Amino acid sequence: MPDRPYFQAWLRRTRRQFAASGRLTQTAVVLASENGGTSEEWSLRLRTLLEGGDAPSLDLLTRIDAVLAGPPRDRNDNITQEFLF
């Protein structure tokens, strides 16, 4: 998909993140709980996505990024950290 540079950049970044053991499965479990289906079905869909065989929606790309980023940090953590140093 050379006409979709954003998607290509997303694929490169996401492939690196999924290279860590368990990240793809963890993401599949979250997506299955939120959207239905099994984690196995989502794992297969994610693998297909990573191979460039599927053109996902922007909402799905954004959600995958959010899952990979982890839970949001509490703003107060930053303030406490500043005072410690």
Protein backbone atom coordinates (compact mmCIF):
# COMPACT_ATOMS: atom_id res chain seq x y z
CA MET A 1 0.00 0.00 0.00
CA PRO A 2 2.43 2.70 -1.08
CA ASP A 3 -0.37 5.28 -1.25
CA ARG A 4 -0.95 5.02 2.51
CA PRO A 5 2.25 6.26 4.19
CA TYR A 6 0.56 6.69 7.58
CA PHE A 7 -0.56 3.07 7.55
CA GLN A 8 2.90 1.87 6.50
CA ALA A 9 4.51 3.82 9.35
CA TRP A 10 1.90 2.44 11.74
CA LEU A 11 2.62 -1.11 10.55
CA ARG A 12 6.38 -0.75 11.13
CA ARG A 13 5.89 0.69 14.62
CA THR A 14 3.21 -1.80 15.61
CA ARG A 15 5.19 -4.81 14.35
CA ARG A 16 8.04 -3.76 16.64
CA GLN A 17 5.67 -3.44 19.58
CA PHE A 18 4.05 -6.80 18.93
CA ALA A 19 7.49 -8.42 18.75
CA ALA A 20 7.49 -8.39 22.57
CA SER A 21 6.24 -11.69 23.93
CA GLY A 22 2.55 -11.69 24.71
CA ARG A 23 1.71 -8.21 23.36
CA LEU A 24 -0.35 -9.46 20.43
CA THR A 25 -2.29 -11.89 22.64
CA GLN A 26 -2.86 -9.24 25.28
CA THR A 27 -4.20 -6.84 22.65
CA ALA A 28 -6.41 -9.56 21.17
CA VAL A 29 -7.93 -10.28 24.60
CA VAL A 30 -8.74 -6.61 25.15
CA LEU A 31 -10.25 -6.22 21.67
CA ALA A 32 -12.33 -9.38 22.10
CA SER A 33 -13.70 -8.18 25.43
CA GLU A 34 -14.60 -4.80 23.95
CA ASN A 35 -15.85 -5.84 20.51
CA GLY A 36 -16.95 -9.45 20.83
CA GLY A 37 -15.47 -12.49 19.23
CA THR A 38 -12.75 -14.66 20.68
CA SER A 39 -9.19 -13.71 21.43
CA GLU A 40 -8.12 -16.31 18.85
CA GLU A 41 -10.20 -14.58 16.17
CA TRP A 42 -8.68 -11.22 17.11
CA SER A 43 -5.18 -12.69 17.14
CA LEU A 44 -5.72 -13.95 13.61
CA ARG A 45 -7.13 -10.58 12.52
CA LEU A 46 -4.17 -8.74 14.08
CA ARG A 47 -1.69 -11.05 12.35
CA THR A 48 -3.48 -10.47 9.04
CA LEU A 49 -3.31 -6.74 9.69
CA LEU A 50 0.41 -6.88 10.44
CA GLU A 51 1.01 -8.72 7.16
CA GLY A 52 -0.71 -5.85 5.35
CA GLY A 53 -3.55 -8.13 4.27
CA ASP A 54 -6.33 -6.05 5.76
CA ALA A 55 -7.15 -2.34 5.66
CA PRO A 56 -8.44 -1.56 9.16
CA SER A 57 -10.52 1.40 10.17
CA LEU A 58 -8.86 4.40 11.76
CA ASP A 59 -10.84 3.65 14.93
CA LEU A 60 -9.29 0.19 15.16
CA LEU A 61 -5.77 1.53 14.54
CA THR A 62 -6.30 4.14 17.24
CA ARG A 63 -7.65 1.56 19.70
CA ILE A 64 -4.72 -0.79 19.08
CA ASP A 65 -2.33 2.10 19.74
CA ALA A 66 -4.16 2.90 22.98
CA VAL A 67 -3.98 -0.72 24.17
CA LEU A 68 -0.27 -0.89 23.36
CA ALA A 69 0.34 2.40 25.18
CA GLY A 70 -1.15 0.98 28.36
CA PRO A 71 -3.37 2.67 30.91
CA PRO A 72 -3.13 6.43 31.21
CA ARG A 73 -0.84 7.66 33.94
CA ASP A 74 -2.33 9.61 36.80
CA ARG A 75 -1.46 13.27 36.47
CA ASN A 76 -0.57 13.39 40.17
CA ASP A 77 2.22 10.86 39.56
CA ASN A 78 4.04 13.48 37.49
CA ILE A 79 3.68 16.12 40.17
CA THR A 80 4.96 13.79 42.90
CA GLN A 81 7.88 12.79 40.70
CA GLU A 82 8.86 16.41 40.20
CA PHE A 83 9.07 16.97 43.95
CA LEU A 84 11.20 13.89 44.52
CA PHE A 85 14.06 15.25 42.42
